[in-house]
N, C-alpha and C. Protein backbone atom coordinates (compact mmCIF):
# COMPACT_ATOMS: atom_id res chain seq x y z
N MET A 1 108.49 -133.35 157.00
CA MET A 1 109.06 -134.29 156.07
C MET A 1 108.79 -133.85 154.64
N LYS A 2 107.55 -133.34 154.41
CA LYS A 2 107.24 -132.87 153.07
C LYS A 2 108.13 -131.70 152.69
N SER A 3 108.46 -130.83 153.64
CA SER A 3 109.34 -129.68 153.37
C SER A 3 110.71 -130.15 152.93
N LEU A 4 111.22 -131.18 153.60
CA LEU A 4 112.53 -131.71 153.27
C LEU A 4 112.51 -132.31 151.87
N ALA A 5 111.47 -133.06 151.54
CA ALA A 5 111.34 -133.66 150.21
C ALA A 5 111.25 -132.57 149.14
N LEU A 6 110.49 -131.52 149.42
CA LEU A 6 110.36 -130.40 148.48
C LEU A 6 111.70 -129.70 148.28
N LEU A 7 112.43 -129.46 149.36
CA LEU A 7 113.74 -128.81 149.31
C LEU A 7 114.73 -129.65 148.51
N LEU A 8 114.76 -130.95 148.75
CA LEU A 8 115.66 -131.83 148.01
C LEU A 8 115.28 -131.88 146.53
N GLY A 9 114.00 -131.90 146.23
CA GLY A 9 113.54 -131.91 144.84
C GLY A 9 113.94 -130.65 144.10
N CYS A 10 113.78 -129.50 144.77
CA CYS A 10 114.17 -128.22 144.16
C CYS A 10 115.68 -128.15 143.94
N SER A 11 116.45 -128.68 144.89
CA SER A 11 117.91 -128.70 144.76
C SER A 11 118.33 -129.55 143.58
N ALA A 12 117.69 -130.69 143.41
CA ALA A 12 118.02 -131.58 142.29
C ALA A 12 117.70 -130.90 140.96
N LEU A 13 116.56 -130.24 140.87
CA LEU A 13 116.19 -129.53 139.64
C LEU A 13 117.14 -128.37 139.36
N ALA A 14 117.54 -127.65 140.39
CA ALA A 14 118.47 -126.53 140.20
C ALA A 14 119.81 -127.04 139.69
N GLY A 15 120.27 -128.19 140.22
CA GLY A 15 121.53 -128.77 139.75
C GLY A 15 121.41 -129.20 138.29
N ALA A 16 120.29 -129.77 137.90
CA ALA A 16 120.09 -130.20 136.52
C ALA A 16 120.04 -129.02 135.57
N ALA A 17 119.50 -127.91 136.03
CA ALA A 17 119.39 -126.73 135.17
C ALA A 17 120.77 -126.14 134.85
N HIS A 18 121.77 -126.34 135.73
CA HIS A 18 123.09 -125.79 135.52
C HIS A 18 124.05 -126.79 134.89
N ALA A 19 123.61 -128.02 134.65
CA ALA A 19 124.47 -129.04 134.08
C ALA A 19 124.74 -128.74 132.61
N SER A 20 125.89 -129.19 132.14
CA SER A 20 126.21 -128.97 130.73
C SER A 20 125.62 -130.09 129.89
N THR A 21 125.54 -129.82 128.59
CA THR A 21 125.03 -130.80 127.65
C THR A 21 126.11 -131.09 126.61
N PRO A 22 126.19 -132.31 126.10
CA PRO A 22 127.22 -132.62 125.11
C PRO A 22 126.87 -132.13 123.70
N VAL A 23 125.59 -131.93 123.42
CA VAL A 23 125.15 -131.49 122.09
C VAL A 23 124.01 -130.51 122.26
N GLN A 24 124.06 -129.42 121.44
CA GLN A 24 122.97 -128.45 121.47
C GLN A 24 122.69 -127.96 120.06
N VAL A 25 121.42 -127.78 119.75
CA VAL A 25 120.99 -127.20 118.48
C VAL A 25 120.19 -125.95 118.80
N SER A 26 120.52 -124.85 118.10
CA SER A 26 119.80 -123.58 118.31
C SER A 26 119.14 -123.15 117.01
N LEU A 27 117.88 -122.76 117.12
CA LEU A 27 117.13 -122.27 115.97
C LEU A 27 116.34 -121.05 116.41
N LEU A 28 116.66 -119.91 115.83
CA LEU A 28 115.99 -118.64 116.14
C LEU A 28 115.97 -118.35 117.64
N GLY A 29 117.08 -118.63 118.32
CA GLY A 29 117.20 -118.31 119.74
C GLY A 29 116.66 -119.35 120.69
N VAL A 30 116.13 -120.45 120.18
CA VAL A 30 115.61 -121.53 121.02
C VAL A 30 116.66 -122.63 121.05
N ASN A 31 117.13 -122.99 122.26
CA ASN A 31 118.16 -124.01 122.41
C ASN A 31 117.54 -125.35 122.80
N LEU A 32 117.97 -126.40 122.11
CA LEU A 32 117.54 -127.75 122.44
C LEU A 32 118.76 -128.61 122.68
N PRO A 33 119.00 -129.10 123.87
CA PRO A 33 118.31 -128.81 125.12
C PRO A 33 118.61 -127.38 125.59
N ALA A 34 117.90 -126.96 126.63
CA ALA A 34 117.91 -125.56 127.07
C ALA A 34 119.10 -125.18 127.95
N SER A 35 120.09 -126.02 128.09
CA SER A 35 121.26 -125.73 128.92
C SER A 35 122.03 -124.52 128.40
N HIS A 36 122.69 -123.78 129.31
CA HIS A 36 123.51 -122.64 128.92
C HIS A 36 124.98 -123.01 128.84
N GLN A 37 125.31 -124.28 129.06
CA GLN A 37 126.69 -124.76 128.97
C GLN A 37 126.73 -125.97 128.05
N VAL A 38 127.61 -125.87 127.04
CA VAL A 38 127.77 -126.96 126.09
C VAL A 38 129.22 -127.42 126.15
N GLU A 39 129.42 -128.71 126.35
CA GLU A 39 130.75 -129.30 126.32
C GLU A 39 130.70 -130.42 125.29
N GLY A 40 130.97 -130.04 124.04
CA GLY A 40 130.89 -130.99 122.94
C GLY A 40 130.66 -130.25 121.64
N ALA A 41 129.46 -130.37 121.08
CA ALA A 41 129.16 -129.77 119.79
C ALA A 41 127.87 -128.96 119.85
N ARG A 42 127.89 -127.84 119.12
CA ARG A 42 126.71 -126.97 119.06
C ARG A 42 126.52 -126.49 117.63
N ALA A 43 125.30 -126.49 117.15
CA ALA A 43 124.97 -125.97 115.82
C ALA A 43 123.87 -124.92 115.96
N SER A 44 124.07 -123.80 115.26
CA SER A 44 123.06 -122.73 115.26
C SER A 44 122.53 -122.56 113.85
N PHE A 45 121.22 -122.39 113.76
CA PHE A 45 120.57 -122.12 112.48
C PHE A 45 119.86 -120.78 112.59
N LEU A 46 120.21 -119.83 111.77
CA LEU A 46 119.73 -118.46 111.74
C LEU A 46 120.24 -117.65 112.94
N TYR A 47 119.90 -118.04 114.17
CA TYR A 47 120.42 -117.34 115.35
C TYR A 47 120.39 -118.29 116.54
N GLY A 48 121.46 -118.26 117.32
CA GLY A 48 121.50 -119.06 118.54
C GLY A 48 122.30 -118.35 119.61
N ARG A 49 121.80 -118.36 120.83
CA ARG A 49 122.45 -117.67 121.97
C ARG A 49 122.56 -118.65 123.12
N THR A 50 123.77 -118.75 123.69
CA THR A 50 123.97 -119.58 124.87
C THR A 50 125.11 -119.01 125.69
N GLY A 51 125.33 -119.53 126.88
CA GLY A 51 126.32 -118.99 127.80
C GLY A 51 127.75 -119.40 127.49
N GLN A 52 128.02 -120.71 127.48
CA GLN A 52 129.39 -121.18 127.36
C GLN A 52 129.44 -122.40 126.46
N VAL A 53 130.46 -122.42 125.57
CA VAL A 53 130.68 -123.57 124.70
C VAL A 53 132.15 -123.97 124.80
N LYS A 54 132.37 -125.26 125.04
CA LYS A 54 133.71 -125.85 124.99
C LYS A 54 133.62 -126.99 123.99
N GLY A 55 134.29 -126.83 122.85
CA GLY A 55 134.24 -127.86 121.82
C GLY A 55 134.15 -127.23 120.45
N ILE A 56 133.17 -127.66 119.67
CA ILE A 56 132.99 -127.14 118.32
C ILE A 56 131.65 -126.43 118.21
N ASP A 57 131.66 -125.28 117.53
CA ASP A 57 130.46 -124.47 117.34
C ASP A 57 130.29 -124.28 115.85
N LEU A 58 129.12 -124.66 115.31
CA LEU A 58 128.86 -124.59 113.88
C LEU A 58 127.69 -123.66 113.58
N PRO A 59 127.96 -122.37 113.31
CA PRO A 59 126.87 -121.51 112.86
C PRO A 59 126.60 -121.78 111.38
N VAL A 60 125.40 -122.28 111.07
CA VAL A 60 125.02 -122.61 109.71
C VAL A 60 124.08 -121.52 109.21
N PHE A 61 124.57 -120.67 108.31
CA PHE A 61 123.83 -119.50 107.84
C PHE A 61 123.18 -118.83 109.05
N ALA A 62 124.05 -118.52 110.05
CA ALA A 62 123.53 -118.08 111.34
C ALA A 62 124.54 -117.19 112.05
N LEU A 63 124.04 -116.52 113.09
CA LEU A 63 124.88 -115.84 114.06
C LEU A 63 124.85 -116.67 115.33
N SER A 64 126.01 -117.20 115.70
CA SER A 64 126.16 -117.91 116.96
C SER A 64 126.61 -116.90 117.99
N ASP A 65 125.87 -116.75 119.08
CA ASP A 65 126.11 -115.72 120.09
C ASP A 65 126.35 -116.41 121.43
N VAL A 66 127.62 -116.34 121.93
CA VAL A 66 127.96 -116.99 123.19
C VAL A 66 128.71 -116.01 124.09
N ASP A 67 128.68 -116.28 125.40
CA ASP A 67 129.43 -115.47 126.35
C ASP A 67 130.90 -115.88 126.39
N GLN A 68 131.16 -117.18 126.50
CA GLN A 68 132.53 -117.70 126.57
C GLN A 68 132.65 -118.88 125.62
N PHE A 69 133.79 -118.91 124.92
CA PHE A 69 134.00 -119.99 123.96
C PHE A 69 135.43 -120.50 124.02
N THR A 70 135.58 -121.82 123.97
CA THR A 70 136.89 -122.47 123.87
C THR A 70 136.76 -123.61 122.87
N GLY A 71 137.58 -123.57 121.81
CA GLY A 71 137.55 -124.65 120.83
C GLY A 71 137.60 -124.13 119.40
N LEU A 72 136.80 -124.74 118.52
CA LEU A 72 136.76 -124.42 117.10
C LEU A 72 135.37 -123.91 116.71
N GLN A 73 135.34 -122.71 116.14
CA GLN A 73 134.11 -122.19 115.55
C GLN A 73 134.27 -122.28 114.05
N LEU A 74 133.33 -122.94 113.39
CA LEU A 74 133.43 -123.16 111.96
C LEU A 74 132.11 -122.77 111.31
N GLY A 75 132.07 -121.56 110.74
CA GLY A 75 130.86 -121.06 110.11
C GLY A 75 130.63 -121.72 108.76
N ILE A 76 129.41 -122.19 108.55
CA ILE A 76 129.04 -122.86 107.30
C ILE A 76 128.00 -122.00 106.60
N PHE A 77 128.18 -121.77 105.31
CA PHE A 77 127.27 -120.93 104.52
C PHE A 77 127.09 -119.56 105.16
N PHE A 78 128.15 -118.80 105.23
CA PHE A 78 128.16 -117.44 105.77
C PHE A 78 127.83 -117.38 107.25
N GLY A 79 128.31 -118.34 107.98
CA GLY A 79 128.13 -118.35 109.43
C GLY A 79 128.95 -117.24 110.07
N ALA A 80 128.42 -116.67 111.14
CA ALA A 80 129.09 -115.61 111.89
C ALA A 80 129.06 -115.96 113.36
N ALA A 81 130.05 -115.43 114.11
CA ALA A 81 130.13 -115.77 115.52
C ALA A 81 130.37 -114.52 116.36
N ARG A 82 129.61 -114.40 117.43
CA ARG A 82 129.79 -113.33 118.40
C ARG A 82 130.17 -113.98 119.73
N VAL A 83 131.28 -113.50 120.31
CA VAL A 83 131.70 -113.94 121.64
C VAL A 83 131.75 -112.69 122.50
N ARG A 84 130.94 -112.66 123.54
CA ARG A 84 130.78 -111.45 124.34
C ARG A 84 131.90 -111.23 125.36
N HIS A 85 132.49 -112.29 125.91
CA HIS A 85 133.44 -112.09 127.00
C HIS A 85 134.81 -112.70 126.74
N GLN A 86 134.90 -113.99 126.49
CA GLN A 86 136.21 -114.63 126.39
C GLN A 86 136.21 -115.69 125.30
N PHE A 87 137.27 -115.64 124.45
CA PHE A 87 137.44 -116.59 123.35
C PHE A 87 138.82 -117.21 123.43
N GLY A 88 138.88 -118.50 123.19
CA GLY A 88 140.16 -119.21 123.09
C GLY A 88 140.03 -120.30 122.06
N GLY A 89 140.86 -120.24 121.02
CA GLY A 89 140.81 -121.29 120.00
C GLY A 89 140.97 -120.74 118.61
N VAL A 90 140.23 -121.35 117.67
CA VAL A 90 140.28 -120.97 116.25
C VAL A 90 138.86 -120.68 115.79
N ALA A 91 138.68 -119.51 115.14
CA ALA A 91 137.38 -119.12 114.59
C ALA A 91 137.52 -118.95 113.08
N ILE A 92 136.74 -119.70 112.32
CA ILE A 92 136.73 -119.60 110.86
C ILE A 92 135.29 -119.31 110.46
N ASN A 93 134.99 -118.03 110.26
CA ASN A 93 133.62 -117.59 109.97
C ASN A 93 133.65 -116.45 108.97
N ALA A 94 132.52 -116.15 108.38
CA ALA A 94 132.42 -114.98 107.52
C ALA A 94 132.71 -113.72 108.34
N VAL A 95 132.12 -113.65 109.54
CA VAL A 95 132.34 -112.53 110.46
C VAL A 95 132.65 -113.09 111.84
N ASN A 96 133.74 -112.63 112.43
CA ASN A 96 134.09 -112.94 113.82
C ASN A 96 133.94 -111.65 114.61
N TRP A 97 133.02 -111.65 115.56
CA TRP A 97 132.71 -110.46 116.37
C TRP A 97 132.99 -110.82 117.81
N HIS A 98 134.19 -110.53 118.27
CA HIS A 98 134.63 -110.92 119.61
C HIS A 98 134.86 -109.66 120.44
N GLU A 99 134.06 -109.49 121.50
CA GLU A 99 134.09 -108.26 122.28
C GLU A 99 135.02 -108.30 123.48
N GLY A 100 135.41 -109.47 123.94
CA GLY A 100 136.21 -109.58 125.16
C GLY A 100 137.65 -109.90 124.88
N GLN A 101 138.19 -110.79 125.70
CA GLN A 101 139.58 -111.22 125.57
C GLN A 101 139.65 -112.37 124.56
N ASP A 102 140.64 -112.30 123.67
CA ASP A 102 140.80 -113.26 122.59
C ASP A 102 142.17 -113.91 122.66
N THR A 103 142.22 -115.22 122.60
CA THR A 103 143.49 -115.94 122.50
C THR A 103 143.33 -116.98 121.41
N GLY A 104 144.12 -116.83 120.34
CA GLY A 104 144.03 -117.79 119.25
C GLY A 104 144.07 -117.14 117.89
N VAL A 105 143.33 -117.74 116.95
CA VAL A 105 143.34 -117.31 115.55
C VAL A 105 141.92 -117.04 115.09
N ASN A 106 141.73 -115.88 114.43
CA ASN A 106 140.45 -115.52 113.82
C ASN A 106 140.65 -115.41 112.32
N LEU A 107 139.98 -116.27 111.56
CA LEU A 107 140.02 -116.21 110.10
C LEU A 107 138.61 -115.87 109.62
N GLY A 108 138.48 -114.75 108.92
CA GLY A 108 137.16 -114.36 108.43
C GLY A 108 137.26 -113.24 107.42
N PHE A 109 136.18 -112.98 106.72
CA PHE A 109 136.15 -111.82 105.83
C PHE A 109 136.28 -110.55 106.67
N VAL A 110 135.57 -110.52 107.81
CA VAL A 110 135.64 -109.38 108.72
C VAL A 110 135.88 -109.92 110.12
N ASN A 111 136.89 -109.36 110.80
CA ASN A 111 137.18 -109.69 112.20
C ASN A 111 137.04 -108.42 113.03
N LEU A 112 136.05 -108.38 113.89
CA LEU A 112 135.83 -107.26 114.81
C LEU A 112 136.17 -107.78 116.20
N THR A 113 137.33 -107.35 116.72
CA THR A 113 137.83 -107.94 117.96
C THR A 113 138.19 -106.86 118.96
N ASN A 114 138.58 -107.31 120.15
CA ASN A 114 138.98 -106.41 121.22
C ASN A 114 140.45 -106.63 121.52
N ASN A 115 140.78 -107.38 122.52
CA ASN A 115 142.16 -107.67 122.87
C ASN A 115 142.52 -109.05 122.35
N VAL A 116 143.47 -109.11 121.41
CA VAL A 116 143.80 -110.36 120.74
C VAL A 116 145.24 -110.76 121.03
N LYS A 117 145.40 -111.90 121.69
CA LYS A 117 146.71 -112.52 121.84
C LYS A 117 146.75 -113.63 120.80
N GLY A 118 147.10 -113.25 119.57
CA GLY A 118 147.09 -114.20 118.48
C GLY A 118 147.02 -113.47 117.16
N LEU A 119 146.29 -114.04 116.20
CA LEU A 119 146.26 -113.56 114.83
C LEU A 119 144.85 -113.28 114.34
N ASN A 120 144.65 -112.11 113.74
CA ASN A 120 143.45 -111.81 112.96
C ASN A 120 143.85 -111.88 111.50
N TRP A 121 143.18 -112.72 110.73
CA TRP A 121 143.50 -112.85 109.31
C TRP A 121 142.19 -112.75 108.54
N GLY A 122 142.00 -111.62 107.84
CA GLY A 122 140.77 -111.42 107.09
C GLY A 122 140.90 -110.26 106.14
N ALA A 123 139.87 -110.02 105.36
CA ALA A 123 139.87 -108.88 104.44
C ALA A 123 139.91 -107.58 105.24
N VAL A 124 139.10 -107.50 106.29
CA VAL A 124 139.06 -106.32 107.16
C VAL A 124 139.21 -106.78 108.60
N ASN A 125 140.19 -106.21 109.30
CA ASN A 125 140.43 -106.51 110.71
C ASN A 125 140.34 -105.21 111.51
N ILE A 126 139.45 -105.17 112.48
CA ILE A 126 139.30 -103.98 113.33
C ILE A 126 139.36 -104.45 114.78
N ALA A 127 140.36 -103.94 115.52
CA ALA A 127 140.52 -104.31 116.93
C ALA A 127 140.39 -103.06 117.79
N LYS A 128 139.43 -103.08 118.75
CA LYS A 128 139.24 -101.95 119.66
C LYS A 128 140.41 -101.82 120.62
N GLY A 129 140.98 -102.89 121.04
CA GLY A 129 142.07 -102.85 122.01
C GLY A 129 143.39 -103.21 121.36
N ASN A 130 144.10 -104.13 121.97
CA ASN A 130 145.40 -104.57 121.50
C ASN A 130 145.23 -105.76 120.56
N ALA A 131 145.96 -105.75 119.45
CA ALA A 131 145.98 -106.89 118.53
C ALA A 131 147.43 -107.25 118.26
N LEU A 132 147.79 -108.45 118.58
CA LEU A 132 149.18 -108.87 118.39
C LEU A 132 149.56 -108.81 116.91
N ALA A 133 148.77 -109.45 116.03
CA ALA A 133 149.08 -109.46 114.60
C ALA A 133 147.81 -109.42 113.76
N ASN A 134 147.84 -108.60 112.69
CA ASN A 134 146.74 -108.49 111.75
C ASN A 134 147.26 -108.70 110.34
N LEU A 135 146.62 -109.60 109.58
CA LEU A 135 146.93 -109.80 108.17
C LEU A 135 145.63 -109.58 107.40
N GLY A 136 145.62 -108.61 106.46
CA GLY A 136 144.41 -108.36 105.70
C GLY A 136 144.59 -107.22 104.74
N PHE A 137 143.54 -106.89 104.01
CA PHE A 137 143.58 -105.75 103.10
C PHE A 137 143.56 -104.44 103.88
N VAL A 138 142.66 -104.36 104.87
CA VAL A 138 142.56 -103.17 105.72
C VAL A 138 142.66 -103.62 107.17
N ASN A 139 143.60 -103.04 107.90
CA ASN A 139 143.82 -103.39 109.30
C ASN A 139 143.78 -102.14 110.16
N TYR A 140 143.03 -102.21 111.27
CA TYR A 140 143.04 -101.13 112.26
C TYR A 140 143.07 -101.76 113.64
N ALA A 141 143.93 -101.23 114.50
CA ALA A 141 143.97 -101.64 115.90
C ALA A 141 144.38 -100.44 116.73
N GLU A 142 143.78 -100.29 117.91
CA GLU A 142 144.21 -99.21 118.79
C GLU A 142 145.68 -99.38 119.17
N ARG A 143 146.08 -100.64 119.45
CA ARG A 143 147.48 -100.97 119.75
C ARG A 143 147.82 -102.23 118.97
N THR A 144 149.03 -102.27 118.39
CA THR A 144 149.42 -103.47 117.65
C THR A 144 150.92 -103.66 117.65
N THR A 145 151.31 -104.89 117.35
CA THR A 145 152.72 -105.24 117.21
C THR A 145 153.07 -105.48 115.75
N PHE A 146 152.14 -106.03 114.97
CA PHE A 146 152.42 -106.32 113.56
C PHE A 146 151.16 -106.20 112.71
N GLN A 147 151.29 -105.51 111.57
CA GLN A 147 150.20 -105.43 110.60
C GLN A 147 150.78 -105.61 109.20
N LEU A 148 150.14 -106.46 108.39
CA LEU A 148 150.50 -106.66 107.00
C LEU A 148 149.23 -106.52 106.18
N GLY A 149 149.19 -105.49 105.31
CA GLY A 149 148.00 -105.27 104.50
C GLY A 149 148.20 -104.12 103.55
N PHE A 150 147.19 -103.81 102.76
CA PHE A 150 147.27 -102.66 101.86
C PHE A 150 147.21 -101.36 102.65
N ILE A 151 146.26 -101.31 103.61
CA ILE A 151 146.13 -100.13 104.46
C ILE A 151 146.19 -100.59 105.92
N ASN A 152 147.13 -100.02 106.67
CA ASN A 152 147.31 -100.36 108.08
C ASN A 152 147.21 -99.08 108.90
N ALA A 153 146.52 -99.16 110.03
CA ALA A 153 146.38 -97.98 110.89
C ALA A 153 146.33 -98.41 112.35
N THR A 154 146.93 -97.58 113.21
CA THR A 154 146.91 -97.82 114.64
C THR A 154 147.16 -96.51 115.39
N LYS A 155 146.67 -96.45 116.61
CA LYS A 155 147.01 -95.32 117.48
C LYS A 155 148.38 -95.54 118.10
N HIS A 156 148.69 -96.80 118.44
CA HIS A 156 149.96 -97.09 119.13
C HIS A 156 150.62 -98.30 118.49
N LEU A 157 151.71 -98.05 117.77
CA LEU A 157 152.49 -99.12 117.15
C LEU A 157 153.70 -99.41 118.02
N ASP A 158 153.91 -100.67 118.32
CA ASP A 158 155.11 -101.11 119.02
C ASP A 158 155.64 -102.32 118.25
N GLY A 159 156.02 -102.07 116.99
CA GLY A 159 156.47 -103.15 116.12
C GLY A 159 156.57 -102.69 114.68
N LEU A 160 155.91 -103.43 113.77
CA LEU A 160 156.11 -103.25 112.33
C LEU A 160 154.78 -103.23 111.58
N GLN A 161 154.69 -102.31 110.62
CA GLN A 161 153.59 -102.27 109.66
C GLN A 161 154.19 -102.41 108.26
N ILE A 162 153.58 -103.27 107.43
CA ILE A 162 154.01 -103.42 106.04
C ILE A 162 152.77 -103.29 105.17
N GLY A 163 152.77 -102.30 104.26
CA GLY A 163 151.63 -102.10 103.38
C GLY A 163 151.81 -100.89 102.49
N LEU A 164 150.84 -100.64 101.62
CA LEU A 164 150.92 -99.48 100.73
C LEU A 164 150.80 -98.18 101.52
N ALA A 165 149.93 -98.16 102.50
CA ALA A 165 149.78 -96.98 103.36
C ALA A 165 149.77 -97.44 104.80
N ASN A 166 150.65 -96.87 105.61
CA ASN A 166 150.79 -97.24 107.02
C ASN A 166 150.65 -95.99 107.88
N TYR A 167 149.73 -96.03 108.82
CA TYR A 167 149.52 -94.90 109.72
C TYR A 167 149.71 -95.37 111.15
N ALA A 168 150.58 -94.68 111.87
CA ALA A 168 150.77 -94.92 113.30
C ALA A 168 150.78 -93.57 113.99
N GLU A 169 149.75 -93.30 114.79
CA GLU A 169 149.62 -92.01 115.47
C GLU A 169 150.84 -91.68 116.32
N ASN A 170 151.47 -92.69 116.91
CA ASN A 170 152.62 -92.47 117.77
C ASN A 170 153.96 -92.57 117.02
N GLY A 171 153.92 -92.73 115.71
CA GLY A 171 155.14 -92.91 114.95
C GLY A 171 155.99 -91.65 114.83
N VAL A 172 157.27 -91.84 114.52
CA VAL A 172 158.15 -90.70 114.24
C VAL A 172 157.58 -89.92 113.06
N PHE A 173 157.18 -90.65 112.02
CA PHE A 173 156.40 -90.11 110.91
C PHE A 173 155.06 -90.83 110.96
N SER A 174 153.98 -90.10 111.08
CA SER A 174 152.66 -90.73 111.25
C SER A 174 152.26 -91.59 110.07
N ILE A 175 152.56 -91.13 108.86
CA ILE A 175 152.16 -91.86 107.66
C ILE A 175 153.40 -92.18 106.84
N LEU A 176 153.56 -93.46 106.51
CA LEU A 176 154.68 -93.89 105.69
C LEU A 176 154.20 -94.95 104.70
N PRO A 177 154.70 -94.91 103.47
CA PRO A 177 154.39 -95.98 102.52
C PRO A 177 155.32 -97.18 102.76
N LEU A 178 154.87 -98.32 102.39
CA LEU A 178 155.60 -99.58 102.42
C LEU A 178 155.93 -100.11 103.83
N ILE A 179 156.73 -99.41 104.61
CA ILE A 179 157.12 -99.92 105.92
C ILE A 179 157.06 -98.82 106.98
N ASN A 180 156.54 -99.15 108.15
CA ASN A 180 156.54 -98.25 109.28
C ASN A 180 156.97 -99.07 110.49
N PHE A 181 157.87 -98.50 111.30
CA PHE A 181 158.42 -99.22 112.43
C PHE A 181 158.49 -98.30 113.64
N LYS A 182 158.10 -98.82 114.78
CA LYS A 182 158.22 -98.06 116.03
C LYS A 182 158.40 -99.07 117.13
N LYS A 183 159.46 -98.93 117.89
CA LYS A 183 159.71 -99.85 118.99
C LYS A 183 159.97 -99.07 120.25
N SER A 184 159.27 -99.41 121.33
CA SER A 184 159.49 -98.78 122.63
C SER A 184 160.44 -99.65 123.42
N PHE A 185 161.38 -99.03 124.06
CA PHE A 185 162.35 -99.78 124.87
C PHE A 185 162.19 -99.44 126.33
């Protein structure tokens, strides 16, 4: 009987450990409460790391570091956000550092992204994979459909670049001023 009670107690604790929390505050990597899933609001001060956030994430003079994010990230006082695997929503931060799949809009001074189905809008936009659209002073993407900026560069253009200097490795002319266009059919 004691074994059964112990087993049920451990099961209940394991379930509680995986439950989500509606509010979380992170300070220097310590999460209160300690849940790895947030469904509601989260604020990070200096540094905060958690697994999944659905809702609003507020890095306050901080780096918010999450595995998966859905919702609104709003950096306050030079807040920055890192998403390791999957992002969906709107990110407004000094720096957006998204390593996985991105769907939505990234607004920041610097956007470091991977595969973006949406818009990167910042002073500097760098995409390791595919970026649907980049608006900024300097734009680089391995693959892109649209870039508008002073300097635009890509390995594979399948669309339009507008800027003072446009480089497309796969272009008919690799470097063109003002407008560069390449469409695959």
